[in-house]
């Protein structure tokens, strides 16, 4: 019997929700450690939080970034232009709000 689904790993839906505040803090910390003009990928935050199992946190990392947009802390960009995460397709970058 495989217990991986009930083991509380980051891949479970509940586990992803639990990482939200930590992902938000990590996004802000990663940006603070870089130049004001730098950006990060949501995967940078996911990897910092769960280095060995970061892929299941990608949706949560994007959601954390969306919450930080709402608080005015960050912008979501594609090709250097600010975009709305709800309509953005493909890879995004996160930067400090300017």
N, C-alpha and C. Protein backbone atom coordinates (compact mmCIF):
# COMPACT_ATOMS: atom_id res chain seq x y z
N UNK A 1 0.84 -1.18 0.00
CA UNK A 1 0.00 0.00 0.00
C UNK A 1 0.88 1.24 0.00
N UNK A 2 0.56 2.22 -0.85
CA UNK A 2 1.33 3.45 -0.98
C UNK A 2 0.73 4.52 -0.08
N UNK A 3 1.48 4.99 0.89
CA UNK A 3 1.00 6.03 1.81
C UNK A 3 1.48 7.41 1.42
N UNK A 4 2.09 7.58 0.26
CA UNK A 4 2.67 8.86 -0.11
C UNK A 4 1.64 9.98 -0.15
N UNK A 5 0.39 9.67 -0.51
CA UNK A 5 -0.62 10.72 -0.58
C UNK A 5 -1.03 11.22 0.79
N UNK A 6 -0.94 10.39 1.81
CA UNK A 6 -1.38 10.82 3.14
C UNK A 6 -0.22 11.15 4.07
N UNK A 7 0.99 11.24 3.51
CA UNK A 7 2.15 11.45 4.35
C UNK A 7 2.41 12.90 4.71
N UNK A 8 1.58 13.82 4.20
CA UNK A 8 1.78 15.23 4.53
C UNK A 8 2.89 15.87 3.72
N UNK A 9 3.24 15.32 2.57
CA UNK A 9 4.29 15.89 1.76
C UNK A 9 3.81 17.17 1.10
N UNK A 10 4.76 17.91 0.55
CA UNK A 10 4.43 19.17 -0.10
C UNK A 10 3.52 18.98 -1.30
N UNK A 11 3.44 17.77 -1.83
CA UNK A 11 2.62 17.52 -3.01
C UNK A 11 1.14 17.46 -2.72
N UNK A 12 0.73 17.38 -1.49
CA UNK A 12 -0.69 17.31 -1.19
C UNK A 12 -1.28 18.70 -1.23
N UNK A 13 -2.56 18.77 -1.49
CA UNK A 13 -3.23 20.07 -1.55
C UNK A 13 -3.11 20.80 -0.23
N UNK A 14 -3.34 20.14 0.88
CA UNK A 14 -3.23 20.77 2.19
C UNK A 14 -1.80 21.23 2.45
N UNK A 15 -0.84 20.42 2.05
CA UNK A 15 0.56 20.79 2.23
C UNK A 15 0.91 22.04 1.46
N UNK A 16 0.39 22.19 0.25
CA UNK A 16 0.65 23.37 -0.55
C UNK A 16 0.08 24.61 0.13
N UNK A 17 -1.11 24.52 0.66
CA UNK A 17 -1.73 25.65 1.33
C UNK A 17 -0.93 26.06 2.56
N UNK A 18 -0.38 25.11 3.26
CA UNK A 18 0.40 25.40 4.46
C UNK A 18 1.67 26.17 4.16
N UNK A 19 2.18 26.09 2.94
CA UNK A 19 3.42 26.75 2.58
C UNK A 19 3.22 28.20 2.13
N UNK A 20 1.99 28.65 2.00
CA UNK A 20 1.71 30.00 1.50
C UNK A 20 2.47 31.10 2.21
N UNK A 21 2.32 31.24 3.53
CA UNK A 21 3.03 32.31 4.24
C UNK A 21 4.55 32.17 4.12
N UNK A 22 5.04 30.96 4.16
CA UNK A 22 6.48 30.74 4.04
C UNK A 22 6.97 31.13 2.65
N UNK A 23 6.19 30.83 1.64
CA UNK A 23 6.56 31.21 0.28
C UNK A 23 6.55 32.73 0.12
N UNK A 24 5.57 33.40 0.71
CA UNK A 24 5.54 34.87 0.65
C UNK A 24 6.79 35.46 1.29
N UNK A 25 7.12 34.98 2.48
CA UNK A 25 8.33 35.46 3.18
C UNK A 25 9.58 35.17 2.36
N UNK A 26 9.62 34.02 1.75
CA UNK A 26 10.79 33.63 0.96
C UNK A 26 10.93 34.51 -0.28
N UNK A 27 9.83 34.79 -0.94
CA UNK A 27 9.86 35.68 -2.11
C UNK A 27 10.44 37.03 -1.72
N UNK A 28 9.93 37.60 -0.63
CA UNK A 28 10.42 38.90 -0.19
C UNK A 28 11.88 38.85 0.23
N UNK A 29 12.29 37.78 0.90
CA UNK A 29 13.68 37.65 1.33
C UNK A 29 14.61 37.49 0.13
N UNK A 30 14.21 36.69 -0.85
CA UNK A 30 15.04 36.53 -2.05
C UNK A 30 15.20 37.84 -2.79
N UNK A 31 14.12 38.59 -2.91
CA UNK A 31 14.19 39.89 -3.59
C UNK A 31 15.04 40.88 -2.79
N UNK A 32 14.94 40.86 -1.48
CA UNK A 32 15.72 41.77 -0.64
C UNK A 32 17.22 41.51 -0.75
N UNK A 33 17.57 40.27 -1.05
CA UNK A 33 18.98 39.89 -1.14
C UNK A 33 19.57 40.21 -2.51
N UNK A 34 18.77 40.72 -3.41
CA UNK A 34 19.23 41.01 -4.77
C UNK A 34 19.13 42.50 -5.06
N UNK A 35 19.70 42.90 -6.16
CA UNK A 35 19.63 44.30 -6.59
C UNK A 35 18.17 44.72 -6.77
N UNK A 36 17.91 46.01 -6.61
CA UNK A 36 16.55 46.52 -6.73
C UNK A 36 15.91 46.22 -8.08
N UNK A 37 16.72 46.07 -9.11
CA UNK A 37 16.19 45.82 -10.44
C UNK A 37 16.06 44.34 -10.77
N UNK A 38 16.48 43.47 -9.85
CA UNK A 38 16.45 42.03 -10.10
C UNK A 38 15.06 41.45 -9.98
N UNK A 39 14.90 40.29 -10.63
CA UNK A 39 13.65 39.53 -10.54
C UNK A 39 13.98 38.12 -10.11
N UNK A 40 12.96 37.41 -9.67
CA UNK A 40 13.10 36.00 -9.36
C UNK A 40 11.99 35.23 -10.07
N UNK A 41 12.20 33.96 -10.18
CA UNK A 41 11.19 33.05 -10.71
C UNK A 41 10.45 32.44 -9.53
N UNK A 42 9.17 32.14 -9.66
CA UNK A 42 8.48 31.45 -8.56
C UNK A 42 9.19 30.17 -8.14
N UNK A 43 9.89 29.52 -9.07
CA UNK A 43 10.60 28.29 -8.73
C UNK A 43 11.75 28.56 -7.76
N UNK A 44 12.31 29.77 -7.78
CA UNK A 44 13.36 30.10 -6.81
C UNK A 44 12.83 30.01 -5.39
N UNK A 45 11.64 30.53 -5.18
CA UNK A 45 11.02 30.46 -3.85
C UNK A 45 10.64 29.03 -3.50
N UNK A 46 10.06 28.31 -4.45
CA UNK A 46 9.68 26.92 -4.20
C UNK A 46 10.90 26.07 -3.85
N UNK A 47 11.99 26.28 -4.56
CA UNK A 47 13.23 25.53 -4.29
C UNK A 47 13.82 25.88 -2.93
N UNK A 48 13.70 27.14 -2.53
CA UNK A 48 14.23 27.55 -1.22
C UNK A 48 13.43 26.91 -0.09
N UNK A 49 12.13 26.76 -0.29
CA UNK A 49 11.26 26.19 0.75
C UNK A 49 11.34 24.67 0.79
N UNK A 50 11.40 24.04 -0.36
CA UNK A 50 11.41 22.56 -0.42
C UNK A 50 12.40 22.10 -1.49
N UNK A 51 13.69 22.16 -1.20
CA UNK A 51 14.71 21.86 -2.21
C UNK A 51 14.56 20.50 -2.89
N UNK A 52 14.10 19.51 -2.17
CA UNK A 52 14.00 18.16 -2.73
C UNK A 52 12.64 17.84 -3.33
N UNK A 53 11.66 18.72 -3.13
CA UNK A 53 10.30 18.46 -3.62
C UNK A 53 9.62 19.78 -3.95
N UNK A 54 10.28 20.59 -4.77
CA UNK A 54 9.80 21.94 -5.04
C UNK A 54 8.72 22.02 -6.11
N UNK A 55 8.73 21.10 -7.05
CA UNK A 55 7.77 21.20 -8.16
C UNK A 55 6.30 21.25 -7.71
N UNK A 56 5.90 20.47 -6.71
CA UNK A 56 4.49 20.56 -6.27
C UNK A 56 4.13 21.92 -5.67
N UNK A 57 5.12 22.73 -5.34
CA UNK A 57 4.85 24.04 -4.75
C UNK A 57 4.73 25.17 -5.78
N UNK A 58 4.87 24.86 -7.05
CA UNK A 58 4.86 25.91 -8.06
C UNK A 58 3.54 26.69 -8.09
N UNK A 59 2.42 26.03 -8.04
CA UNK A 59 1.14 26.77 -8.02
C UNK A 59 1.05 27.62 -6.77
N UNK A 60 1.48 27.08 -5.64
CA UNK A 60 1.45 27.84 -4.38
C UNK A 60 2.38 29.03 -4.44
N UNK A 61 3.52 28.89 -5.09
CA UNK A 61 4.46 30.01 -5.23
C UNK A 61 3.85 31.11 -6.08
N UNK A 62 3.17 30.73 -7.14
CA UNK A 62 2.50 31.74 -7.97
C UNK A 62 1.36 32.42 -7.19
N UNK A 63 0.64 31.64 -6.40
CA UNK A 63 -0.43 32.22 -5.57
C UNK A 63 0.15 33.16 -4.51
N UNK A 64 1.28 32.79 -3.94
CA UNK A 64 1.93 33.66 -2.96
C UNK A 64 2.34 34.97 -3.62
N UNK A 65 2.87 34.89 -4.83
CA UNK A 65 3.24 36.09 -5.57
C UNK A 65 2.01 36.95 -5.84
N UNK A 66 0.90 36.33 -6.18
CA UNK A 66 -0.34 37.07 -6.43
C UNK A 66 -0.79 37.82 -5.17
N UNK A 67 -0.67 37.18 -4.01
CA UNK A 67 -1.03 37.86 -2.77
C UNK A 67 -0.11 39.05 -2.50
N UNK A 68 1.16 38.91 -2.84
CA UNK A 68 2.10 40.01 -2.64
C UNK A 68 1.85 41.14 -3.63
N UNK A 69 1.29 40.84 -4.79
CA UNK A 69 0.86 41.88 -5.72
C UNK A 69 -0.27 42.67 -5.07
N UNK A 70 -1.22 41.96 -4.47
CA UNK A 70 -2.37 42.61 -3.83
C UNK A 70 -1.95 43.52 -2.67
N UNK A 71 -0.88 43.16 -1.95
CA UNK A 71 -0.41 44.00 -0.84
C UNK A 71 0.49 45.13 -1.31
N UNK A 72 0.82 45.13 -2.60
CA UNK A 72 1.64 46.19 -3.15
C UNK A 72 3.14 45.97 -3.02
N UNK A 73 3.55 44.77 -2.66
CA UNK A 73 4.97 44.50 -2.46
C UNK A 73 5.72 44.15 -3.74
N UNK A 74 5.06 43.47 -4.66
CA UNK A 74 5.75 43.00 -5.86
C UNK A 74 4.90 43.24 -7.10
N UNK A 75 5.55 43.11 -8.25
CA UNK A 75 4.90 43.09 -9.55
C UNK A 75 5.22 41.75 -10.21
N UNK A 76 4.34 41.32 -11.07
CA UNK A 76 4.57 40.14 -11.89
C UNK A 76 4.91 40.65 -13.29
N UNK A 77 5.98 40.12 -13.87
CA UNK A 77 6.39 40.58 -15.19
C UNK A 77 6.59 39.41 -16.15
N UNK A 78 6.49 39.76 -17.41
CA UNK A 78 6.87 38.89 -18.52
C UNK A 78 7.57 39.79 -19.53
N UNK A 79 8.75 39.37 -19.93
CA UNK A 79 9.55 40.15 -20.89
C UNK A 79 9.75 41.59 -20.40
N UNK A 80 9.87 41.76 -19.08
CA UNK A 80 10.14 43.08 -18.50
C UNK A 80 8.92 43.97 -18.32
N UNK A 81 7.76 43.51 -18.74
CA UNK A 81 6.53 44.30 -18.63
C UNK A 81 5.63 43.73 -17.54
N UNK A 82 5.01 44.61 -16.76
CA UNK A 82 4.09 44.18 -15.71
C UNK A 82 2.85 43.55 -16.36
N UNK A 83 2.47 42.39 -15.85
CA UNK A 83 1.30 41.67 -16.37
C UNK A 83 0.39 41.28 -15.22
N UNK A 84 -0.84 40.96 -15.57
CA UNK A 84 -1.81 40.46 -14.62
C UNK A 84 -1.64 38.95 -14.56
N UNK A 85 -1.33 38.44 -13.39
CA UNK A 85 -1.07 37.01 -13.24
C UNK A 85 -2.29 36.18 -13.63
N UNK A 86 -3.48 36.70 -13.44
CA UNK A 86 -4.69 35.94 -13.77
C UNK A 86 -4.80 35.65 -15.26
N UNK A 87 -4.20 36.50 -16.08
CA UNK A 87 -4.30 36.31 -17.53
C UNK A 87 -2.96 35.95 -18.17
N UNK A 88 -1.89 35.98 -17.40
CA UNK A 88 -0.56 35.68 -17.95
C UNK A 88 -0.46 34.21 -18.33
N UNK A 89 0.13 33.96 -19.45
CA UNK A 89 0.39 32.60 -19.92
C UNK A 89 1.90 32.41 -19.97
N UNK A 90 2.35 31.27 -19.49
CA UNK A 90 3.77 30.96 -19.58
C UNK A 90 4.56 31.46 -18.37
N UNK A 91 5.89 31.46 -18.52
CA UNK A 91 6.76 31.81 -17.40
C UNK A 91 6.59 33.26 -16.97
N UNK A 92 6.69 33.47 -15.68
CA UNK A 92 6.61 34.81 -15.11
C UNK A 92 7.85 35.08 -14.28
N UNK A 93 8.06 36.34 -13.97
CA UNK A 93 9.11 36.77 -13.06
C UNK A 93 8.45 37.64 -12.00
N UNK A 94 9.09 37.71 -10.85
CA UNK A 94 8.58 38.52 -9.73
C UNK A 94 9.64 39.57 -9.42
N UNK A 95 9.22 40.82 -9.27
CA UNK A 95 10.14 41.88 -8.89
C UNK A 95 9.52 42.76 -7.82
N UNK A 96 10.37 43.47 -7.11
CA UNK A 96 9.87 44.44 -6.14
C UNK A 96 9.08 45.51 -6.88
N UNK A 97 8.01 45.98 -6.24
CA UNK A 97 7.22 47.05 -6.85
C UNK A 97 8.07 48.30 -6.95
N UNK A 98 7.98 48.94 -8.07
CA UNK A 98 8.75 50.19 -8.32
C UNK A 98 7.88 51.40 -8.18
